[in-house]
Amino acid sequence: MYKIAIVILNWNGREFLERFLPGVVRHSSSPGIKIIIADNGSSDDSLEFIRNKFKNVEIIELDKNYGFAGGYNKAFEKINSQYYILLNSDVEVSKNWIEPIIKEMDNDPVVAAAMPKIISYHDRSKFEYAGAAGGFIDKWGYPFCRGRILNNIEPDNNQYNDSTEIFWASGACLFVKSKIFHDAGGFDDDFFAHMEEIDLCWRIKNLGYKIYCYPFSQVYHVGGGTLPNETPSKLFLNFRNNLWVLLKNLPAKKLYSVLLIRKILDGLAAMKFYLTLDWRKGNAVFKAHLSYYKHFRKMKQKRKKADFKNNNLPSSVYRKSILISYFLKKKKTFTELNL
């Protein structure tokens, strides 16, 4: 059994592995750490490259592309470690990025998952979209970050250098205690990709644990390496999976009122796409809702199996609308929200 398994999910990512895996190996060489590539049925020469260049990196070969959620779930079935570190292939790590976070998690049994500060690889003066300095959601389920509100990405001026409890930790670089990962049910395979980490973190919180960002550890993320931002495919997954997150995890007294408002807001978003003649994106939202209803009963059954320690929203949920705060009240930074 390893103490820490760094697991990089790969799908045709030879370019990223060649660029970033040497740094992962160089900065992750402490005893008890194992680096593993879980390959999602790649058709490029990723695996040949790893076998030739990185003899000490373990490979788990999956027979096809199971997506982010399914790929990690299947890989973790074959790994025995106390901690999992999920690391995107397009992330550059820095010196001493692991030990300080593990030390904090070792010392606090209530902290189940954590993340470092995530900076843009291309512009190191700014946070990166997918996580920044910790993820949150508002009362309607819209995700945002400490350092990124909607599409407004803040410069990193050390304003979020304090360790703090967050709502969700980014799957781009996610530290999680393996036992709690499995106790919470792991990722939901049906999500395929996008927002599966928010769903997981909410279930972990519903078990009574906490999620933290420890910004004294820092990594650099390219972002959009597998599916570029704002493509119809990504919009479909984000809109559908966001509804599934709410259906599975909201407390009963909030469930139907929040879902009703979200459906109305999603409808307005689709209308905007249609009015601007962006038919593909409008159709992506429409298809996301069709898929939500198609799988409604299945997701409702998953909700019934969930273990809710209480029937209240976690304290780290923003009790206002992030859309109103951003567009009407012009609050463009996390600090202005006074969360």
Protein backbone atom coordinates (compact mmCIF):
# COMPACT_ATOMS: atom_id res chain seq x y z
CA MET A 1 0.00 0.00 0.00
CA TYR A 2 1.26 3.48 -0.89
CA LYS A 3 0.56 6.50 1.26
CA ILE A 4 0.00 8.69 -1.82
CA ALA A 5 -0.95 7.73 -5.36
CA ILE A 6 -0.65 10.54 -7.91
CA VAL A 7 -3.02 9.48 -10.67
CA ILE A 8 -2.95 11.23 -14.04
CA LEU A 9 -5.84 10.32 -16.32
CA ASN A 10 -4.64 10.32 -19.92
CA TRP A 11 -6.47 10.27 -23.21
CA ASN A 12 -4.29 10.92 -26.27
CA GLY A 13 -2.22 13.34 -24.22
CA ARG A 14 1.30 12.58 -25.41
CA GLU A 15 2.09 16.29 -25.84
CA PHE A 16 1.09 17.17 -22.27
CA LEU A 17 2.83 14.14 -20.78
CA GLU A 18 6.06 15.03 -22.57
CA ARG A 19 5.83 18.61 -21.33
CA PHE A 20 4.65 18.11 -17.73
CA LEU A 21 5.34 14.56 -16.54
CA PRO A 22 9.10 15.17 -16.01
CA GLY A 23 8.26 17.91 -13.51
CA VAL A 24 5.78 15.69 -11.70
CA VAL A 25 8.43 12.99 -11.37
CA ARG A 26 11.09 15.50 -10.26
CA HIS A 27 8.92 17.12 -7.57
CA SER A 28 7.16 13.98 -6.32
CA SER A 29 10.01 11.65 -5.42
CA SER A 30 9.49 11.28 -1.68
CA PRO A 31 9.10 7.79 -0.19
CA GLY A 32 5.56 6.47 -0.16
CA ILE A 33 4.53 8.31 -3.34
CA LYS A 34 3.64 6.43 -6.52
CA ILE A 35 2.96 8.08 -9.88
CA ILE A 36 0.38 6.29 -12.01
CA ILE A 37 -0.90 6.99 -15.50
CA ALA A 38 -4.46 5.74 -16.00
CA ASP A 39 -4.99 5.58 -19.75
CA ASN A 40 -8.51 6.00 -21.10
CA GLY A 41 -8.05 3.93 -24.27
CA SER A 42 -5.65 6.31 -26.04
CA SER A 43 -4.98 5.81 -29.74
CA ASP A 44 -1.80 7.91 -29.85
CA ASP A 45 1.67 6.83 -28.69
CA SER A 46 1.23 8.04 -25.09
CA LEU A 47 1.87 4.66 -23.50
CA GLU A 48 4.87 3.86 -25.67
CA PHE A 49 6.38 7.22 -24.71
CA ILE A 50 5.87 6.56 -20.97
CA ARG A 51 7.29 3.05 -21.12
CA ASN A 52 10.39 4.28 -22.93
CA LYS A 53 11.06 7.40 -20.85
CA PHE A 54 9.60 6.77 -17.37
CA LYS A 55 10.38 3.27 -16.13
CA ASN A 56 9.16 3.97 -12.58
CA VAL A 57 5.77 5.35 -13.61
CA GLU A 58 3.05 2.73 -13.35
CA ILE A 59 0.47 2.37 -16.13
CA ILE A 60 -3.13 1.27 -15.81
CA GLU A 61 -4.63 0.56 -19.24
CA LEU A 62 -8.38 0.91 -19.65
CA ASP A 63 -10.06 -0.60 -22.69
CA LYS A 64 -11.88 2.58 -23.80
CA ASN A 65 -12.54 6.20 -22.91
CA TYR A 66 -14.70 6.16 -19.76
CA GLY A 67 -14.50 9.92 -19.31
CA PHE A 68 -13.05 11.70 -16.30
CA ALA A 69 -15.47 10.18 -13.80
CA GLY A 70 -15.50 6.60 -15.03
CA GLY A 71 -11.81 6.56 -15.86
CA TYR A 72 -10.77 7.55 -12.37
CA ASN A 73 -13.26 5.20 -10.75
CA LYS A 74 -11.91 2.23 -12.70
CA ALA A 75 -8.30 3.21 -12.01
CA PHE A 76 -8.92 3.55 -8.26
CA GLU A 77 -10.28 -0.01 -8.17
CA LYS A 78 -6.71 -1.12 -8.91
CA ILE A 79 -4.89 1.25 -6.52
CA ASN A 80 -4.28 0.74 -2.81
CA SER A 81 -3.23 4.00 -1.16
CA GLN A 82 -4.23 6.22 1.74
CA TYR A 83 -4.49 9.33 -0.44
CA TYR A 84 -5.38 9.87 -4.07
CA ILE A 85 -4.05 12.94 -5.86
CA LEU A 86 -5.94 13.47 -9.09
CA LEU A 87 -3.77 15.51 -11.44
CA ASN A 88 -4.63 16.68 -14.94
CA SER A 89 -2.03 15.90 -17.56
CA ASP A 90 -1.84 19.61 -18.46
CA VAL A 91 -0.73 20.75 -14.99
CA GLU A 92 2.79 21.92 -14.10
CA VAL A 93 3.56 21.25 -10.44
CA SER A 94 6.03 23.15 -8.29
CA LYS A 95 8.59 22.19 -5.68
CA ASN A 96 7.11 20.91 -2.40
CA TRP A 97 3.55 20.90 -3.78
CA ILE A 98 2.46 17.71 -2.00
CA GLU A 99 3.85 17.45 1.54
CA PRO A 100 2.37 20.62 3.10
CA ILE A 101 -1.16 19.68 2.03
CA ILE A 102 -0.82 16.07 3.17
CA LYS A 103 0.52 17.29 6.53
CA GLU A 104 -2.58 19.47 7.02
CA MET A 105 -4.90 16.63 6.04
CA ASP A 106 -3.07 14.15 8.28
CA ASN A 107 -3.56 16.51 11.22
CA ASP A 108 -7.28 17.13 10.65
CA PRO A 109 -9.54 14.06 10.31
CA VAL A 110 -12.48 16.26 9.31
CA VAL A 111 -10.73 17.50 6.13
CA ALA A 112 -11.51 14.90 3.48
CA ALA A 113 -10.35 16.67 0.33
CA ALA A 114 -8.22 19.66 -0.61
CA MET A 115 -6.63 21.56 -3.45
CA PRO A 116 -3.68 23.91 -3.98
CA LYS A 117 -3.91 27.36 -5.52
CA ILE A 118 -4.26 26.96 -9.29
CA ILE A 119 -2.59 29.59 -11.47
CA SER A 120 -2.87 30.00 -15.23
CA TYR A 121 0.01 28.32 -17.03
CA HIS A 122 -0.14 30.87 -19.86
CA ASP A 123 -0.47 33.98 -17.67
CA ARG A 124 1.13 33.42 -14.29
CA SER A 125 -0.13 36.71 -12.96
CA LYS A 126 -3.69 35.36 -12.95
CA PHE A 127 -5.69 32.53 -11.46
CA GLU A 128 -6.82 29.68 -13.67
CA TYR A 129 -10.50 29.27 -14.50
CA ALA A 130 -10.93 25.69 -13.26
CA GLY A 131 -10.52 26.11 -9.52
CA ALA A 132 -8.46 29.25 -8.84
CA ALA A 133 -8.16 29.42 -5.01
CA GLY A 134 -11.15 27.25 -4.22
CA GLY A 135 -14.63 26.53 -5.56
CA PHE A 136 -18.06 27.63 -4.33
CA ILE A 137 -21.68 27.57 -5.54
CA ASP A 138 -24.51 30.06 -5.10
CA LYS A 139 -28.05 29.31 -3.92
CA TRP A 140 -29.13 28.31 -7.44
CA GLY A 141 -26.19 25.96 -7.92
CA TYR A 142 -23.99 28.13 -10.16
CA PRO A 143 -20.30 27.41 -9.51
CA PHE A 144 -17.67 30.11 -9.11
CA CYS A 145 -14.26 30.41 -7.46
CA ARG A 146 -12.21 32.45 -5.08
CA GLY A 147 -10.37 34.29 -7.85
CA ARG A 148 -12.86 33.69 -10.68
CA ILE A 149 -16.46 34.95 -10.81
CA LEU A 150 -18.23 33.63 -13.92
CA ASN A 151 -15.79 34.53 -16.73
CA ASN A 152 -13.97 37.28 -14.81
CA ILE A 153 -10.57 35.91 -13.77
CA GLU A 154 -8.70 37.92 -11.13
CA PRO A 155 -4.97 38.61 -11.02
CA ASP A 156 -3.22 36.80 -8.20
CA ASN A 157 -2.04 39.51 -5.83
CA ASN A 158 -1.78 37.11 -2.87
CA GLN A 159 -5.25 38.23 -1.77
CA TYR A 160 -6.34 34.61 -1.30
CA ASN A 161 -3.25 33.18 0.33
CA ASP A 162 -5.09 32.09 3.47
CA SER A 163 -6.11 28.47 3.94
CA THR A 164 -9.88 28.28 4.01
CA GLU A 165 -12.84 25.94 3.82
CA ILE A 166 -14.36 25.82 0.33
CA PHE A 167 -17.35 24.11 -1.24
CA TRP A 168 -15.58 22.15 -3.97
CA ALA A 169 -12.00 21.36 -4.92
CA SER A 170 -11.00 21.32 -8.58
CA GLY A 171 -10.53 17.97 -10.29
CA ALA A 172 -7.52 19.49 -12.06
CA CYS A 173 -5.53 18.91 -8.84
CA LEU A 174 -7.56 17.19 -6.15
CA PHE A 175 -6.22 15.63 -2.95
CA VAL A 176 -8.69 13.21 -1.33
CA LYS A 177 -8.54 10.57 1.39
CA SER A 178 -9.23 7.31 -0.41
CA LYS A 179 -11.49 5.80 2.25
CA ILE A 180 -13.75 8.84 2.27
CA PHE A 181 -13.75 8.95 -1.55
CA HIS A 182 -15.17 5.43 -1.59
CA ASP A 183 -17.45 5.98 1.42
CA ALA A 184 -19.03 8.85 -0.53
CA GLY A 185 -19.53 6.60 -3.56
CA GLY A 186 -16.70 7.88 -5.75
CA PHE A 187 -17.42 9.83 -8.91
CA ASP A 188 -20.72 9.38 -10.69
CA ASP A 189 -19.89 7.59 -13.96
CA ASP A 190 -22.97 9.04 -15.65
CA PHE A 191 -21.48 12.54 -15.51
CA PHE A 192 -18.67 11.42 -17.90
CA ALA A 193 -16.89 14.77 -17.47
CA HIS A 194 -17.44 18.20 -15.88
CA MET A 195 -18.86 18.95 -12.43
CA GLU A 196 -18.28 15.42 -11.17
CA GLU A 197 -15.93 16.88 -8.56
CA ILE A 198 -18.64 19.30 -7.35
CA ASP A 199 -21.05 16.38 -7.00
CA LEU A 200 -18.43 14.36 -5.11
CA CYS A 201 -17.48 17.23 -2.80
CA TRP A 202 -21.14 17.89 -1.98
CA ARG A 203 -21.65 14.24 -1.08
CA ILE A 204 -18.51 14.38 1.07
CA LYS A 205 -19.90 17.45 2.83
CA ASN A 206 -23.22 15.68 3.32
CA LEU A 207 -21.26 13.03 5.24
CA GLY A 208 -20.04 15.71 7.64
CA TYR A 209 -16.53 16.34 6.26
CA LYS A 210 -14.83 19.51 5.04
CA ILE A 211 -13.05 20.57 1.84
CA TYR A 212 -10.11 22.99 1.99
CA CYS A 213 -7.89 25.08 -0.24
CA TYR A 214 -4.27 25.33 0.94
CA PRO A 215 -2.74 28.07 -1.24
CA PHE A 216 0.79 27.66 0.13
CA SER A 217 0.93 24.88 -2.48
CA GLN A 218 0.69 26.13 -6.06
CA VAL A 219 0.33 24.54 -9.50
CA TYR A 220 -0.06 25.89 -13.04
CA HIS A 221 -2.89 24.67 -15.27
CA VAL A 222 -3.15 24.99 -19.04
CA GLY A 223 -6.91 24.34 -19.04
CA GLY A 224 -9.19 23.19 -21.84
CA GLY A 225 -6.70 20.51 -22.81
CA THR A 226 -9.31 17.84 -23.54
CA LEU A 227 -12.42 19.86 -24.39
CA PRO A 228 -12.02 23.60 -25.12
CA ASN A 229 -14.14 26.08 -23.18
CA GLU A 230 -17.57 27.05 -24.51
CA THR A 231 -17.91 24.28 -27.09
CA PRO A 232 -21.46 22.92 -27.50
CA SER A 233 -20.29 19.57 -26.10
CA LYS A 234 -18.94 21.21 -22.97
CA LEU A 235 -22.06 23.38 -22.59
CA PHE A 236 -24.23 20.26 -22.82
CA LEU A 237 -22.27 18.50 -20.07
CA ASN A 238 -22.13 21.56 -17.83
CA PHE A 239 -25.86 22.36 -18.05
CA ARG A 240 -26.98 18.74 -17.68
CA ASN A 241 -24.53 17.82 -14.95
CA ASN A 242 -25.30 20.97 -12.98
CA LEU A 243 -28.96 19.93 -12.82
CA TRP A 244 -27.93 16.43 -11.75
CA VAL A 245 -25.73 17.87 -8.97
CA LEU A 246 -28.73 19.77 -7.59
CA LEU A 247 -31.15 16.85 -7.93
CA LYS A 248 -28.80 14.48 -6.12
CA ASN A 249 -27.60 16.71 -3.30
CA LEU A 250 -29.97 19.54 -2.38
CA PRO A 251 -31.74 19.26 0.98
CA ALA A 252 -35.35 18.14 0.52
CA LYS A 253 -36.86 21.46 1.57
CA LYS A 254 -34.90 23.28 -1.17
CA LEU A 255 -35.02 20.69 -3.93
CA TYR A 256 -37.97 21.57 -6.15
CA SER A 257 -37.93 25.34 -5.69
CA VAL A 258 -34.25 25.56 -6.63
CA LEU A 259 -34.65 23.20 -9.58
CA LEU A 260 -37.61 25.24 -10.88
CA ILE A 261 -35.62 28.49 -10.78
CA ARG A 262 -32.62 26.83 -12.44
CA LYS A 263 -34.75 25.50 -15.27
CA ILE A 264 -36.16 29.00 -15.87
CA LEU A 265 -32.67 30.51 -15.83
CA ASP A 266 -31.38 27.82 -18.19
CA GLY A 267 -34.29 28.54 -20.51
CA LEU A 268 -33.33 32.22 -20.56
CA ALA A 269 -29.74 31.24 -21.36
CA ALA A 270 -30.92 29.09 -24.27
CA MET A 271 -33.12 31.94 -25.51
CA LYS A 272 -30.14 34.28 -25.48
CA PHE A 273 -28.15 31.85 -27.60
CA TYR A 274 -31.01 31.53 -30.09
CA LEU A 275 -31.56 35.30 -30.28
CA THR A 276 -27.88 35.80 -31.08
CA LEU A 277 -28.18 33.05 -33.73
CA ASP A 278 -25.83 30.75 -31.84
CA TRP A 279 -28.00 27.74 -32.64
CA ARG A 280 -25.51 25.07 -31.64
CA LYS A 281 -25.16 26.41 -28.11
CA GLY A 282 -28.91 26.93 -27.75
CA ASN A 283 -29.46 23.35 -28.88
CA ALA A 284 -26.82 22.15 -26.41
CA VAL A 285 -28.83 23.63 -23.52
CA PHE A 286 -32.05 22.15 -24.89
CA LYS A 287 -30.46 18.70 -25.27
CA ALA A 288 -28.99 18.96 -21.76
CA HIS A 289 -32.50 19.33 -20.33
CA LEU A 290 -33.80 16.44 -22.43
CA SER A 291 -31.01 14.25 -21.06
CA TYR A 292 -31.78 15.44 -17.52
CA TYR A 293 -35.39 14.33 -17.83
CA LYS A 294 -34.43 11.08 -19.56
CA HIS A 295 -32.29 10.10 -16.55
CA PHE A 296 -34.46 11.74 -13.88
CA ARG A 297 -35.59 8.51 -12.22
CA LYS A 298 -32.08 7.09 -12.19
CA MET A 299 -30.69 10.22 -10.51
CA LYS A 300 -33.59 10.28 -8.06
CA GLN A 301 -32.66 6.74 -7.02
CA LYS A 302 -29.07 7.86 -6.45
CA ARG A 303 -30.38 10.66 -4.27
CA LYS A 304 -32.28 8.12 -2.16
CA LYS A 305 -29.06 6.21 -1.55
CA ALA A 306 -27.22 9.32 -0.37
CA ASP A 307 -26.33 9.70 3.29
CA PHE A 308 -27.45 13.14 4.51
CA LYS A 309 -26.14 13.99 7.98
CA ASN A 310 -28.45 17.00 8.07
CA ASN A 311 -31.08 18.58 5.87
CA ASN A 312 -29.50 21.99 5.48
CA LEU A 313 -27.30 23.62 2.87
CA PRO A 314 -23.58 23.51 3.75
CA SER A 315 -22.33 26.74 5.30
CA SER A 316 -19.98 27.35 2.36
CA VAL A 317 -22.87 27.90 -0.08
CA TYR A 318 -23.29 31.55 -1.17
CA ARG A 319 -26.81 32.40 -0.01
CA LYS A 320 -27.38 34.94 -2.79
CA SER A 321 -27.49 34.81 -6.59
CA ILE A 322 -24.05 35.11 -8.17
CA LEU A 323 -25.75 36.35 -11.38
CA ILE A 324 -27.43 39.25 -9.59
CA SER A 325 -24.27 40.03 -7.62
CA TYR A 326 -22.17 40.06 -10.79
CA PHE A 327 -24.42 41.64 -13.42
CA LEU A 328 -26.64 43.98 -11.37
CA LYS A 329 -24.53 44.79 -8.32
CA LYS A 330 -21.28 44.77 -10.33
CA LYS A 331 -19.41 42.62 -7.85
CA LYS A 332 -16.62 41.24 -10.00
CA THR A 333 -14.30 39.74 -7.37
CA PHE A 334 -14.73 37.14 -4.66
CA THR A 335 -13.73 39.63 -1.95
CA GLU A 336 -16.68 41.87 -2.86
CA LEU A 337 -19.14 39.05 -2.24
CA ASN A 338 -18.41 39.00 1.53
CA LEU A 339 -19.15 35.27 1.59
